[in-house]
C-alpha atoms as a PDB file:
ATOM      1  CA  MET A   1       0.109  -0.450  -0.060  1.00  0.00           C
ATOM      2  CA  GLN A   2       1.281   3.549  -0.214  1.00  0.00           C
ATOM      3  CA  ALA A   3       1.816   5.648   2.144  1.00  0.00           C
ATOM      4  CA  LEU A   4       3.818   9.235   3.371  1.00  0.00           C
ATOM      5  CA  LYS A   5       6.521   8.031   5.078  1.00  0.00           C
ATOM      6  CA  PHE A   6       8.948  11.122   6.479  1.00  0.00           C
ATOM      7  CA  ILE A   7      12.754  10.451   5.946  1.00  0.00           C
ATOM      8  CA  GLU A   8      14.270  13.026   7.159  1.00  0.00           C
ATOM      9  CA  PRO A   9      14.011  16.810   8.575  1.00  0.00           C
ATOM     10  CA  GLY A  10      13.206  18.373   5.260  1.00  0.00           C
ATOM     11  CA  THR A  11      11.832  15.313   3.171  1.00  0.00           C
ATOM     12  CA  VAL A  12       8.165  12.809   3.096  1.00  0.00           C
ATOM     13  CA  ARG A  13       7.913  10.843   1.435  1.00  0.00           C
ATOM     14  CA  VAL A  14       5.192   8.820  -0.828  1.00  0.00           C
ATOM     15  CA  VAL A  15       6.175   5.002  -0.481  1.00  0.00           C
ATOM     16  CA  ASP A  16       5.526   1.097  -0.303  1.00  0.00           C
ATOM     17  CA  VAL A  17       4.858   0.364   3.059  1.00  0.00           C
ATOM     18  CA  ASP A  18       2.978  -3.452   3.977  1.00  0.00           C
ATOM     19  CA  VAL A  19      -0.687  -3.581   5.173  1.00  0.00           C
ATOM     20  CA  PRO A  20      -0.434  -3.553   8.591  1.00  0.00           C
ATOM     21  CA  LYS A  21      -1.446  -6.587  10.504  1.00  0.00           C
ATOM     22  CA  LEU A  22      -4.529  -7.219  12.810  1.00  0.00           C
ATOM     23  CA  PRO A  23      -3.369  -6.509  16.525  1.00  0.00           C
ATOM     24  CA  PRO A  24      -4.929  -8.323  19.331  1.00  0.00           C
ATOM     25  CA  GLY A  25      -7.617  -7.413  20.383  1.00  0.00           C
ATOM     26  CA  GLY A  26      -7.412  -4.377  18.143  1.00  0.00           C
ATOM     27  CA  VAL A  27      -8.326  -2.649  14.700  1.00  0.00           C
ATOM     28  CA  VAL A  28      -7.541  -1.879  11.039  1.00  0.00           C
ATOM     29  CA  VAL A  29      -8.842   1.360   9.309  1.00  0.00           C
ATOM     30  CA  ARG A  30      -8.880   2.039   6.061  1.00  0.00           C
ATOM     31  CA  THR A  31      -8.522   5.951   5.459  1.00  0.00           C
ATOM     32  CA  ALA A  32     -10.597   8.080   4.379  1.00  0.00           C
ATOM     33  CA  PHE A  33      -9.665  11.371   4.821  1.00  0.00           C
ATOM     34  CA  ALA A  34      -6.296  12.629   6.365  1.00  0.00           C
ATOM     35  CA  GLY A  35      -5.805  16.276   7.770  1.00  0.00           C
ATOM     36  CA  VAL A  36      -2.558  18.034   7.357  1.00  0.00           C
ATOM     37  CA  CYS A  37      -1.928  20.848  10.252  1.00  0.00           C
ATOM     38  CA  GLY A  38       0.642  22.995  11.198  1.00  0.00           C
ATOM     39  CA  SER A  39       3.140  20.212  13.486  1.00  0.00           C
ATOM     40  CA  ASP A  40       2.492  17.905  10.001  1.00  0.00           C
ATOM     41  CA  VAL A  41       4.864  20.436   8.173  1.00  0.00           C
ATOM     42  CA  ARG A  42       6.954  21.339  11.332  1.00  0.00           C
ATOM     43  CA  THR A  43       8.254  17.707  11.110  1.00  0.00           C
ATOM     44  CA  TRP A  44       8.556  17.750   7.708  1.00  0.00           C
ATOM     45  CA  ARG A  45      10.809  20.281   7.426  1.00  0.00           C
ATOM     46  CA  HIS A  46      12.648  20.574  11.108  1.00  0.00           C
ATOM     47  CA  GLY A  47      11.240  16.611  13.131  1.00  0.00           C
ATOM     48  CA  SER A  48      10.066  16.136  15.764  1.00  0.00           C
ATOM     49  CA  THR A  49      11.543  15.428  19.031  1.00  0.00           C
ATOM     50  CA  ARG A  50       8.634  12.722  19.159  1.00  0.00           C
ATOM     51  CA  LEU A  51       9.856  11.046  16.172  1.00  0.00           C
ATOM     52  CA  LYS A  52      12.618   7.679  16.185  1.00  0.00           C
ATOM     53  CA  GLY A  53      13.283   7.429  13.319  1.00  0.00           C
ATOM     54  CA  GLN A  54      11.469   6.984  10.248  1.00  0.00           C
ATOM     55  CA  GLN A  55       7.843   7.361  10.296  1.00  0.00           C
ATOM     56  CA  VAL A  56       4.063   7.022   8.804  1.00  0.00           C
ATOM     57  CA  LEU A  57       2.598  10.393  10.112  1.00  0.00           C
ATOM     58  CA  GLY A  58      -0.909  12.018   9.913  1.00  0.00           C
ATOM     59  CA  HIS A  59      -2.989  11.796  13.280  1.00  0.00           C
ATOM     60  CA  GLU A  60      -5.909  13.407  11.954  1.00  0.00           C
ATOM     61  CA  ALA A  61      -8.278  10.917  10.709  1.00  0.00           C
ATOM     62  CA  SER A  62     -11.735   9.517   9.914  1.00  0.00           C
ATOM     63  CA  GLY A  63     -12.610   5.631   7.592  1.00  0.00           C
ATOM     64  CA  THR A  64     -13.850   2.269   7.618  1.00  0.00           C
ATOM     65  CA  ILE A  65     -13.218  -0.513   9.815  1.00  0.00           C
ATOM     66  CA  ALA A  66     -11.490  -2.774   7.432  1.00  0.00           C
ATOM     67  CA  GLU A  67     -10.770  -5.732  10.296  1.00  0.00           C
ATOM     68  CA  SER A  68     -11.341  -5.954  13.211  1.00  0.00           C
ATOM     69  CA  ASP A  69     -10.699  -7.941  16.683  1.00  0.00           C
ATOM     70  CA  ALA A  70     -12.262  -4.832  18.547  1.00  0.00           C
ATOM     71  CA  THR A  71     -15.614  -6.199  20.319  1.00  0.00           C
ATOM     72  CA  GLY A  72     -18.298  -3.495  19.485  1.00  0.00           C
ATOM     73  CA  LEU A  73     -16.733  -2.023  16.430  1.00  0.00           C
ATOM     74  CA  PRO A  74     -17.337  -4.873  13.435  1.00  0.00           C
ATOM     75  CA  VAL A  75     -15.874  -4.304   9.628  1.00  0.00           C
ATOM     76  CA  GLY A  76     -17.084  -1.616   7.995  1.00  0.00           C
ATOM     77  CA  THR A  77     -17.617   0.680  11.091  1.00  0.00           C
ATOM     78  CA  ARG A  78     -17.018   4.575   9.884  1.00  0.00           C
ATOM     79  CA  VAL A  79     -15.133   5.363  12.525  1.00  0.00           C
ATOM     80  CA  ALA A  80     -13.221   8.938  13.563  1.00  0.00           C
ATOM     81  CA  VAL A  81      -9.537   8.454  15.780  1.00  0.00           C
ATOM     82  CA  CYS A  82      -8.439  10.370  18.692  1.00  0.00           C
ATOM     83  CA  PRO A  83      -4.358  10.200  18.242  1.00  0.00           C
ATOM     84  CA  GLY A  84      -3.341  10.168  21.810  1.00  0.00           C
ATOM     85  CA  MET A  85      -3.440   7.183  23.889  1.00  0.00           C
ATOM     86  CA  PRO A  86      -2.855   7.869  27.272  1.00  0.00           C
ATOM     87  CA  CYS A  87      -1.776   5.379  29.945  1.00  0.00           C
ATOM     88  CA  LEU A  88      -4.460   7.306  32.330  1.00  0.00           C
ATOM     89  CA  ARG A  89      -2.557   5.320  35.254  1.00  0.00           C
ATOM     90  CA  CYS A  90       0.439   7.475  35.838  1.00  0.00           C
ATOM     91  CA  GLU A  91       0.442  10.690  38.186  1.00  0.00           C
ATOM     92  CA  GLN A  92       0.150  12.692  35.562  1.00  0.00           C
ATOM     93  CA  CYS A  93      -3.036  11.086  34.309  1.00  0.00           C
ATOM     94  CA  GLN A  94      -4.206  10.766  37.319  1.00  0.00           C
ATOM     95  CA  ARG A  95      -3.261  14.845  37.504  1.00  0.00           C
ATOM     96  CA  GLY A  96      -6.022  15.681  34.928  1.00  0.00           C
ATOM     97  CA  GLY A  97      -2.744  15.947  32.530  1.00  0.00           C
ATOM     98  CA  VAL A  98      -2.866  13.282  29.645  1.00  0.00           C
ATOM     99  CA  ALA A  99      -1.393  15.433  27.715  1.00  0.00           C
ATOM    100  CA  TRP A 100       1.922  14.899  29.868  1.00  0.00           C
ATOM    101  CA  CYS A 101       1.824  10.973  29.932  1.00  0.00           C
ATOM    102  CA  PRO A 102       5.373   9.928  29.498  1.00  0.00           C
ATOM    103  CA  ASN A 103       3.596   6.437  28.540  1.00  0.00           C
ATOM    104  CA  ARG A 104       1.696   8.278  25.564  1.00  0.00           C
ATOM    105  CA  ASP A 105       1.937   6.493  22.292  1.00  0.00           C
ATOM    106  CA  SER A 106       0.316   8.707  19.001  1.00  0.00           C
ATOM    107  CA  LEU A 107      -1.245   7.865  15.607  1.00  0.00           C
ATOM    108  CA  GLY A 108       1.877   9.336  12.998  1.00  0.00           C
ATOM    109  CA  TYR A 109       4.623   9.485  15.769  1.00  0.00           C
ATOM    110  CA  ASP A 110       4.696   5.881  18.246  1.00  0.00           C
ATOM    111  CA  ILE A 111       2.790   3.892  15.533  1.00  0.00           C
ATOM    112  CA  PRO A 112       2.273   4.812  11.729  1.00  0.00           C
ATOM    113  CA  GLY A 113       0.053   7.227  11.047  1.00  0.00           C
ATOM    114  CA  ALA A 114      -2.620   7.821   8.847  1.00  0.00           C
ATOM    115  CA  MET A 115      -1.428   9.561   5.598  1.00  0.00           C
ATOM    116  CA  ALA A 116      -1.907   5.654   4.411  1.00  0.00           C
ATOM    117  CA  GLU A 117      -4.135   3.736   2.775  1.00  0.00           C
ATOM    118  CA  TYR A 118      -4.849   1.929   6.018  1.00  0.00           C
ATOM    119  CA  PHE A 119      -3.733   1.796   9.534  1.00  0.00           C
ATOM    120  CA  ALA A 120      -3.308  -0.267  12.665  1.00  0.00           C
ATOM    121  CA  LEU A 121      -4.336   1.050  16.386  1.00  0.00           C
ATOM    122  CA  PRO A 122      -3.742  -1.065  19.209  1.00  0.00           C
ATOM    123  CA  ALA A 123      -6.659  -3.027  21.779  1.00  0.00           C
ATOM    124  CA  VAL A 124      -5.082   0.347  23.888  1.00  0.00           C
ATOM    125  CA  ALA A 125      -7.492   2.575  21.966  1.00  0.00           C
ATOM    126  CA  ILE A 126     -10.078   0.446  21.743  1.00  0.00           C
ATOM    127  CA  GLU A 127     -10.187   0.337  25.680  1.00  0.00           C
ATOM    128  CA  LEU A 128      -9.864   4.218  25.589  1.00  0.00           C
ATOM    129  CA  GLY A 129     -12.679   5.453  23.271  1.00  0.00           C
ATOM    130  CA  CYS A 130      -9.989   6.546  21.136  1.00  0.00           C
ATOM    131  CA  VAL A 131     -12.403   5.351  17.821  1.00  0.00           C
ATOM    132  CA  VAL A 132     -15.180   6.678  18.150  1.00  0.00           C
ATOM    133  CA  ARG A 133     -18.128   5.947  15.689  1.00  0.00           C
ATOM    134  CA  LEU A 134     -19.755   8.331  13.777  1.00  0.00           C
ATOM    135  CA  PRO A 135     -23.454   9.574  13.150  1.00  0.00           C
ATOM    136  CA  ALA A 136     -25.411   8.559  10.232  1.00  0.00           C
ATOM    137  CA  SER A 137     -24.934  12.299   9.502  1.00  0.00           C
ATOM    138  CA  LEU A 138     -21.294  13.026   9.746  1.00  0.00           C
ATOM    139  CA  SER A 139     -19.812  12.780   6.606  1.00  0.00           C
ATOM    140  CA  LEU A 140     -16.246  11.323   6.908  1.00  0.00           C
ATOM    141  CA  ARG A 141     -15.152  14.192   5.597  1.00  0.00           C
ATOM    142  CA  THR A 142     -15.804  16.820   7.991  1.00  0.00           C
ATOM    143  CA  ALA A 143     -15.582  13.668  10.893  1.00  0.00           C
ATOM    144  CA  SER A 144     -11.615  14.439   9.781  1.00  0.00           C
ATOM    145  CA  LEU A 145     -11.573  17.823  11.715  1.00  0.00           C
ATOM    146  CA  ALA A 146     -12.683  16.051  15.479  1.00  0.00           C
ATOM    147  CA  GLU A 147      -8.634  15.943  16.037  1.00  0.00           C
ATOM    148  CA  PRO A 148      -8.303  19.471  15.709  1.00  0.00           C
ATOM    149  CA  LEU A 149     -11.382  20.496  17.338  1.00  0.00           C
ATOM    150  CA  HIS A 150     -10.759  18.468  20.282  1.00  0.00           C
ATOM    151  CA  THR A 151      -8.317  20.271  20.613  1.00  0.00           C
ATOM    152  CA  VAL A 152     -10.092  23.360  20.923  1.00  0.00           C
ATOM    153  CA  LEU A 153     -12.709  21.660  23.195  1.00  0.00           C
ATOM    154  CA  SER A 154     -10.405  21.514  25.840  1.00  0.00           C
ATOM    155  CA  GLY A 155      -8.473  24.646  25.293  1.00  0.00           C
ATOM    156  CA  GLN A 156     -11.772  26.586  25.819  1.00  0.00           C
ATOM    157  CA  ASP A 157     -12.829  24.215  28.865  1.00  0.00           C
ATOM    158  CA  ARG A 158      -9.666  25.670  30.156  1.00  0.00           C
ATOM    159  CA  ALA A 159     -10.599  29.206  29.805  1.00  0.00           C
ATOM    160  CA  ARG A 160     -13.804  27.901  31.031  1.00  0.00           C
ATOM    161  CA  ILE A 161     -15.978  30.514  27.935  1.00  0.00           C
ATOM    162  CA  GLY A 162     -19.364  30.041  28.235  1.00  0.00           C
ATOM    163  CA  HIS A 163     -22.559  31.847  27.859  1.00  0.00           C
ATOM    164  CA  GLY A 164     -22.619  35.816  28.600  1.00  0.00           C
ATOM    165  CA  GLN A 165     -18.757  36.385  27.584  1.00  0.00           C
ATOM    166  CA  SER A 166     -17.653  38.049  24.902  1.00  0.00           C
ATOM    167  CA  VAL A 167     -14.395  36.642  23.755  1.00  0.00           C
ATOM    168  CA  LEU A 168     -11.442  37.719  20.529  1.00  0.00           C
ATOM    169  CA  VAL A 169     -10.316  35.090  18.742  1.00  0.00           C
ATOM    170  CA  ILE A 170      -6.437  36.326  16.967  1.00  0.00           C
ATOM    171  CA  GLY A 171      -5.888  34.235  14.476  1.00  0.00           C
ATOM    172  CA  LEU A 172      -7.823  32.962  11.558  1.00  0.00           C
ATOM    173  CA  GLY A 173      -6.437  29.307  10.319  1.00  0.00           C
ATOM    174  CA  PRO A 174      -8.260  26.554  11.075  1.00  0.00           C
ATOM    175  CA  ILE A 175      -7.862  26.358  14.959  1.00  0.00           C
ATOM    176  CA  GLY A 176      -9.176  30.698  15.185  1.00  0.00           C
ATOM    177  CA  THR A 177     -11.638  29.371  13.001  1.00  0.00           C
ATOM    178  CA  LEU A 178     -13.081  26.765  15.134  1.00  0.00           C
ATOM    179  CA  HIS A 179     -12.535  28.326  17.973  1.00  0.00           C
ATOM    180  CA  ALA A 180     -14.791  31.164  17.019  1.00  0.00           C
ATOM    181  CA  ALA A 181     -17.777  28.667  15.870  1.00  0.00           C
ATOM    182  CA  VAL A 182     -17.299  26.921  19.370  1.00  0.00           C
ATOM    183  CA  ALA A 183     -17.196  30.025  21.696  1.00  0.00           C
ATOM    184  CA  GLN A 184     -20.200  30.908  19.579  1.00  0.00           C
ATOM    185  CA  SER A 185     -21.942  27.656  20.180  1.00  0.00           C
ATOM    186  CA  ARG A 186     -21.202  27.789  24.049  1.00  0.00           C
ATOM    187  CA  GLY A 187     -22.969  31.085  24.611  1.00  0.00           C
ATOM    188  CA  ALA A 188     -20.596  33.593  24.215  1.00  0.00           C
ATOM    189  CA  GLY A 189     -21.223  36.936  22.542  1.00  0.00           C
ATOM    190  CA  PRO A 190     -20.012  38.885  21.602  1.00  0.00           C
ATOM    191  CA  VAL A 191     -17.546  36.850  19.524  1.00  0.00           C
ATOM    192  CA  LEU A 192     -15.263  38.900  16.332  1.00  0.00           C
ATOM    193  CA  ALA A 193     -12.557  36.542  14.925  1.00  0.00           C
ATOM    194  CA  VAL A 194      -9.672  39.076  13.912  1.00  0.00           C
ATOM    195  CA  ASP A 195      -6.917  38.413  11.333  1.00  0.00           C
ATOM    196  CA  ARG A 196      -4.039  41.037   9.637  1.00  0.00           C
ATOM    197  CA  LEU A 197      -4.252  38.681   6.651  1.00  0.00           C
ATOM    198  CA  PRO A 198      -7.845  40.059   4.194  1.00  0.00           C
ATOM    199  CA  GLU A 199      -7.289  36.438   2.187  1.00  0.00           C
ATOM    200  CA  ARG A 200      -8.049  35.056   5.998  1.00  0.00           C
ATOM    201  CA  THR A 201     -10.716  36.666   6.934  1.00  0.00           C
ATOM    202  CA  ASP A 202     -12.988  36.531   4.281  1.00  0.00           C
ATOM    203  CA  THR A 203     -11.789  32.668   3.995  1.00  0.00           C
ATOM    204  CA  ALA A 204     -13.063  32.339   7.989  1.00  0.00           C
ATOM    205  CA  ALA A 205     -16.057  34.707   7.411  1.00  0.00           C
ATOM    206  CA  ALA A 206     -17.766  32.817   4.756  1.00  0.00           C
ATOM    207  CA  ILE A 207     -18.185  30.165   7.645  1.00  0.00           C
ATOM    208  CA  LEU A 208     -18.681  32.201  10.149  1.00  0.00           C
ATOM    209  CA  THR A 209     -20.589  35.313   9.421  1.00  0.00           C
ATOM    210  CA  GLU A 210     -23.734  32.461   9.121  1.00  0.00           C
ATOM    211  CA  MET A 211     -22.967  31.476  12.871  1.00  0.00           C
ATOM    212  CA  GLY A 212     -23.324  34.803  14.026  1.00  0.00           C
ATOM    213  CA  VAL A 213     -19.504  35.702  14.516  1.00  0.00           C
ATOM    214  CA  GLY A 214     -17.954  39.077  13.274  1.00  0.00           C
ATOM    215  CA  VAL A 215     -14.981  38.434  10.946  1.00  0.00           C
ATOM    216  CA  ALA A 216     -12.613  41.494  11.137  1.00  0.00           C
ATOM    217  CA  LEU A 217      -9.033  42.413   9.805  1.00  0.00           C
ATOM    218  CA  ALA A 218      -6.566  42.793  13.437  1.00  0.00           C
ATOM    219  CA  GLU A 219      -6.624  46.577  13.539  1.00  0.00           C
ATOM    220  CA  ASP A 220      -6.491  47.751  17.377  1.00  0.00           C
ATOM    221  CA  GLU A 221      -9.606  50.231  16.663  1.00  0.00           C
ATOM    222  CA  THR A 222     -11.370  47.519  15.255  1.00  0.00           C
ATOM    223  CA  ILE A 223     -10.895  45.563  18.116  1.00  0.00           C
ATOM    224  CA  ARG A 224     -11.843  47.955  20.387  1.00  0.00           C
ATOM    225  CA  ASP A 225     -15.031  49.195  18.815  1.00  0.00           C
ATOM    226  CA  ALA A 226     -16.519  45.838  18.715  1.00  0.00           C
ATOM    227  CA  ALA A 227     -15.420  45.167  22.228  1.00  0.00           C
ATOM    228  CA  PRO A 228     -17.601  45.841  25.950  1.00  0.00           C
ATOM    229  CA  THR A 229     -17.165  49.087  27.578  1.00  0.00           C
ATOM    230  CA  HIS A 230     -14.528  46.883  30.052  1.00  0.00           C
ATOM    231  CA  GLY A 231     -12.543  45.135  26.789  1.00  0.00           C
ATOM    232  CA  TRP A 232     -12.848  41.250  25.955  1.00  0.00           C
ATOM    233  CA  ASP A 233     -13.577  38.777  28.826  1.00  0.00           C
ATOM    234  CA  VAL A 234     -11.212  36.489  26.365  1.00  0.00           C
ATOM    235  CA  VAL A 235      -8.925  36.830  24.137  1.00  0.00           C
ATOM    236  CA  ILE A 236      -7.822  33.494  22.232  1.00  0.00           C
ATOM    237  CA  VAL A 237      -4.829  33.969  20.823  1.00  0.00           C
ATOM    238  CA  ALA A 238      -4.468  31.243  18.254  1.00  0.00           C
ATOM    239  CA  ALA A 239      -1.626  32.594  16.077  1.00  0.00           C
ATOM    240  CA  GLY A 240       1.766  31.452  16.580  1.00  0.00           C
ATOM    241  CA  SER A 241       3.239  35.470  17.206  1.00  0.00           C
ATOM    242  CA  ALA A 242       4.632  37.576  20.110  1.00  0.00           C
ATOM    243  CA  ALA A 243       2.883  40.208  19.019  1.00  0.00           C
ATOM    244  CA  ALA A 244       0.235  38.940  18.648  1.00  0.00           C
ATOM    245  CA  ILE A 245       0.199  37.224  22.400  1.00  0.00           C
ATOM    246  CA  THR A 246       0.820  41.288  23.047  1.00  0.00           C
ATOM    247  CA  ALA A 247      -2.387  42.265  21.245  1.00  0.00           C
ATOM    248  CA  GLY A 248      -3.819  39.819  23.675  1.00  0.00           C
ATOM    249  CA  ILE A 249      -2.985  41.069  26.788  1.00  0.00           C
ATOM    250  CA  GLY A 250      -4.054  44.516  25.809  1.00  0.00           C
ATOM    251  CA  HIS A 251      -7.032  43.927  24.919  1.00  0.00           C
ATOM    252  CA  ALA A 252      -8.108  41.826  27.811  1.00  0.00           C
ATOM    253  CA  SER A 253     -10.815  43.278  30.397  1.00  0.00           C
ATOM    254  CA  PRO A 254      -9.996  43.810  33.733  1.00  0.00           C
ATOM    255  CA  GLY A 255     -10.110  40.142  35.615  1.00  0.00           C
ATOM    256  CA  GLY A 256     -10.005  38.764  31.786  1.00  0.00           C
ATOM    257  CA  THR A 257      -8.624  35.974  30.248  1.00  0.00           C
ATOM    258  CA  VAL A 258      -5.299  34.991  27.944  1.00  0.00           C
ATOM    259  CA  LEU A 259      -5.946  31.625  26.121  1.00  0.00           C
ATOM    260  CA  ALA A 260      -2.563  30.839  24.691  1.00  0.00           C
ATOM    261  CA  PHE A 261      -3.792  28.614  22.155  1.00  0.00           C
ATOM    262  CA  GLY A 262      -0.893  29.576  19.905  1.00  0.00           C
ATOM    263  CA  GLY A 263       2.892  28.061  19.805  1.00  0.00           C
ATOM    264  CA  LEU A 264       6.247  30.558  19.650  1.00  0.00           C
ATOM    265  CA  PRO A 265       8.643  28.959  17.471  1.00  0.00           C
ATOM    266  CA  PRO A 266      11.568  27.032  20.005  1.00  0.00           C
ATOM    267  CA  ASP A 267      14.641  29.581  19.022  1.00  0.00           C
ATOM    268  CA  ARG A 268      12.255  32.780  19.800  1.00  0.00           C
ATOM    269  CA  PRO A 269       9.738  31.638  22.506  1.00  0.00           C
ATOM    270  CA  LEU A 270       9.900  35.052  24.906  1.00  0.00           C
ATOM    271  CA  VAL A 271       7.603  37.306  24.614  1.00  0.00           C
ATOM    272  CA  ASP A 272       7.774  40.377  26.166  1.00  0.00           C
ATOM    273  CA  VAL A 273       4.417  40.958  28.802  1.00  0.00           C
ATOM    274  CA  ASP A 274       3.698  43.881  30.683  1.00  0.00           C
ATOM    275  CA  PHE A 275       3.369  42.663  33.960  1.00  0.00           C
ATOM    276  CA  ASN A 276       1.817  44.947  35.585  1.00  0.00           C
ATOM    277  CA  ARG A 277      -0.956  44.962  33.496  1.00  0.00           C
ATOM    278  CA  VAL A 278      -1.149  41.386  34.229  1.00  0.00           C
ATOM    279  CA  HIS A 279      -1.115  42.338  37.903  1.00  0.00           C
ATOM    280  CA  TYR A 280      -3.783  45.239  38.355  1.00  0.00           C
ATOM    281  CA  GLN A 281      -5.732  43.732  36.304  1.00  0.00           C
ATOM    282  CA  GLN A 282      -6.379  41.108  37.169  1.00  0.00           C
ATOM    283  CA  LEU A 283      -5.459  39.304  34.284  1.00  0.00           C
ATOM    284  CA  THR A 284      -5.350  35.083  33.839  1.00  0.00           C
ATOM    285  CA  LEU A 285      -2.891  33.656  31.571  1.00  0.00           C
ATOM    286  CA  VAL A 286      -4.116  30.082  30.468  1.00  0.00           C
ATOM    287  CA  GLY A 287      -2.047  27.966  28.015  1.00  0.00           C
ATOM    288  CA  ALA A 288      -3.777  24.857  26.230  1.00  0.00           C
ATOM    289  CA  PHE A 289      -2.735  22.045  23.277  1.00  0.00           C
ATOM    290  CA  GLY A 290      -4.563  18.328  22.784  1.00  0.00           C
ATOM    291  CA  GLY A 291      -7.033  16.275  23.754  1.00  0.00           C
ATOM    292  CA  SER A 292      -8.066  13.721  26.077  1.00  0.00           C
ATOM    293  CA  PRO A 293      -9.945  10.749  24.048  1.00  0.00           C
ATOM    294  CA  ARG A 294     -13.337  12.314  26.639  1.00  0.00           C
ATOM    295  CA  HIS A 295     -12.850  15.876  24.490  1.00  0.00           C
ATOM    296  CA  PHE A 296     -12.169  13.715  21.252  1.00  0.00           C
ATOM    297  CA  ARG A 297     -15.989  11.889  21.836  1.00  0.00           C
ATOM    298  CA  GLN A 298     -17.158  15.623  22.374  1.00  0.00           C
ATOM    299  CA  ALA A 299     -15.815  16.909  19.224  1.00  0.00           C
ATOM    300  CA  VAL A 300     -17.775  14.375  17.169  1.00  0.00           C
ATOM    301  CA  SER A 301     -20.797  14.914  18.971  1.00  0.00           C
ATOM    302  CA  TRP A 302     -20.418  18.679  18.289  1.00  0.00           C
ATOM    303  CA  LEU A 303     -19.834  17.929  14.212  1.00  0.00           C
ATOM    304  CA  ALA A 304     -22.905  15.729  14.157  1.00  0.00           C
ATOM    305  CA  THR A 305     -25.259  19.301  15.538  1.00  0.00           C
ATOM    306  CA  SER A 306     -23.625  22.163  14.643  1.00  0.00           C
ATOM    307  CA  PRO A 307     -23.533  24.219  11.481  1.00  0.00           C
ATOM    308  CA  LEU A 308     -20.711  24.132  10.831  1.00  0.00           C
ATOM    309  CA  ASP A 309     -20.405  22.937   7.383  1.00  0.00           C
ATOM    310  CA  GLY A 310     -17.833  20.462   6.816  1.00  0.00           C
ATOM    311  CA  ALA A 311     -17.643  21.003   2.783  1.00  0.00           C
ATOM    312  CA  THR A 312     -16.840  24.702   3.419  1.00  0.00           C
ATOM    313  CA  PHE A 313     -13.916  24.212   5.831  1.00  0.00           C
ATOM    314  CA  ILE A 314     -12.453  21.739   4.317  1.00  0.00           C
ATOM    315  CA  THR A 315     -11.153  23.848   1.128  1.00  0.00           C
ATOM    316  CA  GLN A 316      -8.799  21.686  -0.497  1.00  0.00           C
ATOM    317  CA  THR A 317      -8.549  18.724  -0.763  1.00  0.00           C
ATOM    318  CA  ARG A 318      -4.994  16.658  -2.324  1.00  0.00           C
ATOM    319  CA  ASP A 319      -4.670  12.193  -2.747  1.00  0.00           C
ATOM    320  CA  LEU A 320      -2.499  10.570  -1.581  1.00  0.00           C
ATOM    321  CA  PRO A 321       0.192  10.536  -4.463  1.00  0.00           C
ATOM    322  CA  HIS A 322       0.040  13.847  -4.206  1.00  0.00           C
ATOM    323  CA  ALA A 323       0.896  14.998  -0.242  1.00  0.00           C
ATOM    324  CA  VAL A 324       3.659  16.604  -0.323  1.00  0.00           C
ATOM    325  CA  GLU A 325       1.415  19.440  -2.552  1.00  0.00           C
ATOM    326  CA  ALA A 326      -1.011  19.667   0.377  1.00  0.00           C
ATOM    327  CA  PHE A 327       1.698  19.961   2.589  1.00  0.00           C
ATOM    328  CA  GLU A 328       3.440  23.268   0.975  1.00  0.00           C
ATOM    329  CA  LEU A 329      -0.077  24.009   0.516  1.00  0.00           C
ATOM    330  CA  VAL A 330       0.112  24.371   4.969  1.00  0.00           C
ATOM    331  CA  GLU A 331       3.085  25.857   4.850  1.00  0.00           C
ATOM    332  CA  GLN A 332       1.999  28.411   2.055  1.00  0.00           C
ATOM    333  CA  GLY A 333      -1.126  29.039   4.514  1.00  0.00           C
ATOM    334  CA  THR A 334      -3.641  28.938   1.558  1.00  0.00           C
ATOM    335  CA  GLY A 335      -6.529  28.202   2.352  1.00  0.00           C
ATOM    336  CA  LEU A 336      -8.146  27.316   5.363  1.00  0.00           C
ATOM    337  CA  LYS A 337      -7.754  23.768   6.195  1.00  0.00           C
ATOM    338  CA  THR A 338      -6.014  21.294   3.531  1.00  0.00           C
ATOM    339  CA  SER A 339      -6.732  17.685   3.735  1.00  0.00           C
ATOM    340  CA  LEU A 340      -5.841  14.599   1.815  1.00  0.00           C
ATOM    341  CA  SER A 341      -8.268  12.216   0.033  1.00  0.00           C
ATOM    342  CA  VAL A 342      -7.508   8.421   0.401  1.00  0.00           C
ATOM    343  CA  SER A 343     -10.303   6.570  -0.093  1.00  0.00           C
ATOM    344  CA  ALA A 344     -13.205   9.114   0.121  1.00  0.00           C
ATOM    345  CA  GLU A 345     -15.415   7.231  -2.418  1.00  0.00           C
ATOM    346  CA  ASP A 346     -17.112   5.749   0.225  1.00  0.00           C
ATOM    347  CA  ASP A 347     -18.153   8.787   2.052  1.00  0.00           C
ATOM    348  CA  ASN A 348     -21.786   9.933   2.928  1.00  0.00           C
END
């Protein structure tokens, strides 16, 4: 079968590999869609400390069970897959920090990923609830968004975003656009999503405006005019930019929360912060990344019931032989979400 494999920093290649064997108590999934995200591109360009050599990439997956040794997941079942498999036994897991579990295995890093015609999941993935059946109303295409969405749900839980809060989202890539949609669905309001690039705001506006979210260019005057008198209750920084973090702190209301959801380059991780503002305005700074199998199951339910149109959100697809082209589109910031269409003819 064909698979996209990380070879070394700067090189990913579509290669022929063996079809995975069915693990005891596990499943083999025929991939329908595999999303391409910024972390995939960073791995391509720079490698990853999480990889122990060459590996088949892909952690945003939907597909159909092709072989099964798992109770309740017969062949033909349509699924989405949470990539992170924490042990749930260590101290970090017991404290709720499943993202830091030292025993955690992840699809596309510790085990071969979903940018392949087939991928296998061990029994532990079934036991943890990482393999989630899809409702009949949810297409395989849209279901591939569950992985990025589950990280958004986790972050908004940490920031305690809810009804009646004003929310500003800075950065309108796929994650920022999902953050704005989720905040609106939680009853937050007003919700304003901004970006400094007109092509980003135009793309996001086509999705978010119908959901009641305001979209605008990231200009200080525009952001201040749209804010309640006291400022924004929650500012979500969904851009890997020190300037965006600084701006987010500046736009937060007294007693407000700033959710840091975009990492910075490892060689430039520092940000100048007006600590007096944090101190005297009693701001809360919250960091978030990743999610849990519980958030993943919530993400599948959210996608099945929300007005978000996955067909509109995924703005470009490429087949597996053209996977490198898909990586280039993400690197260039083209469109919104890019996905690999591997075997999507059975989509509903």
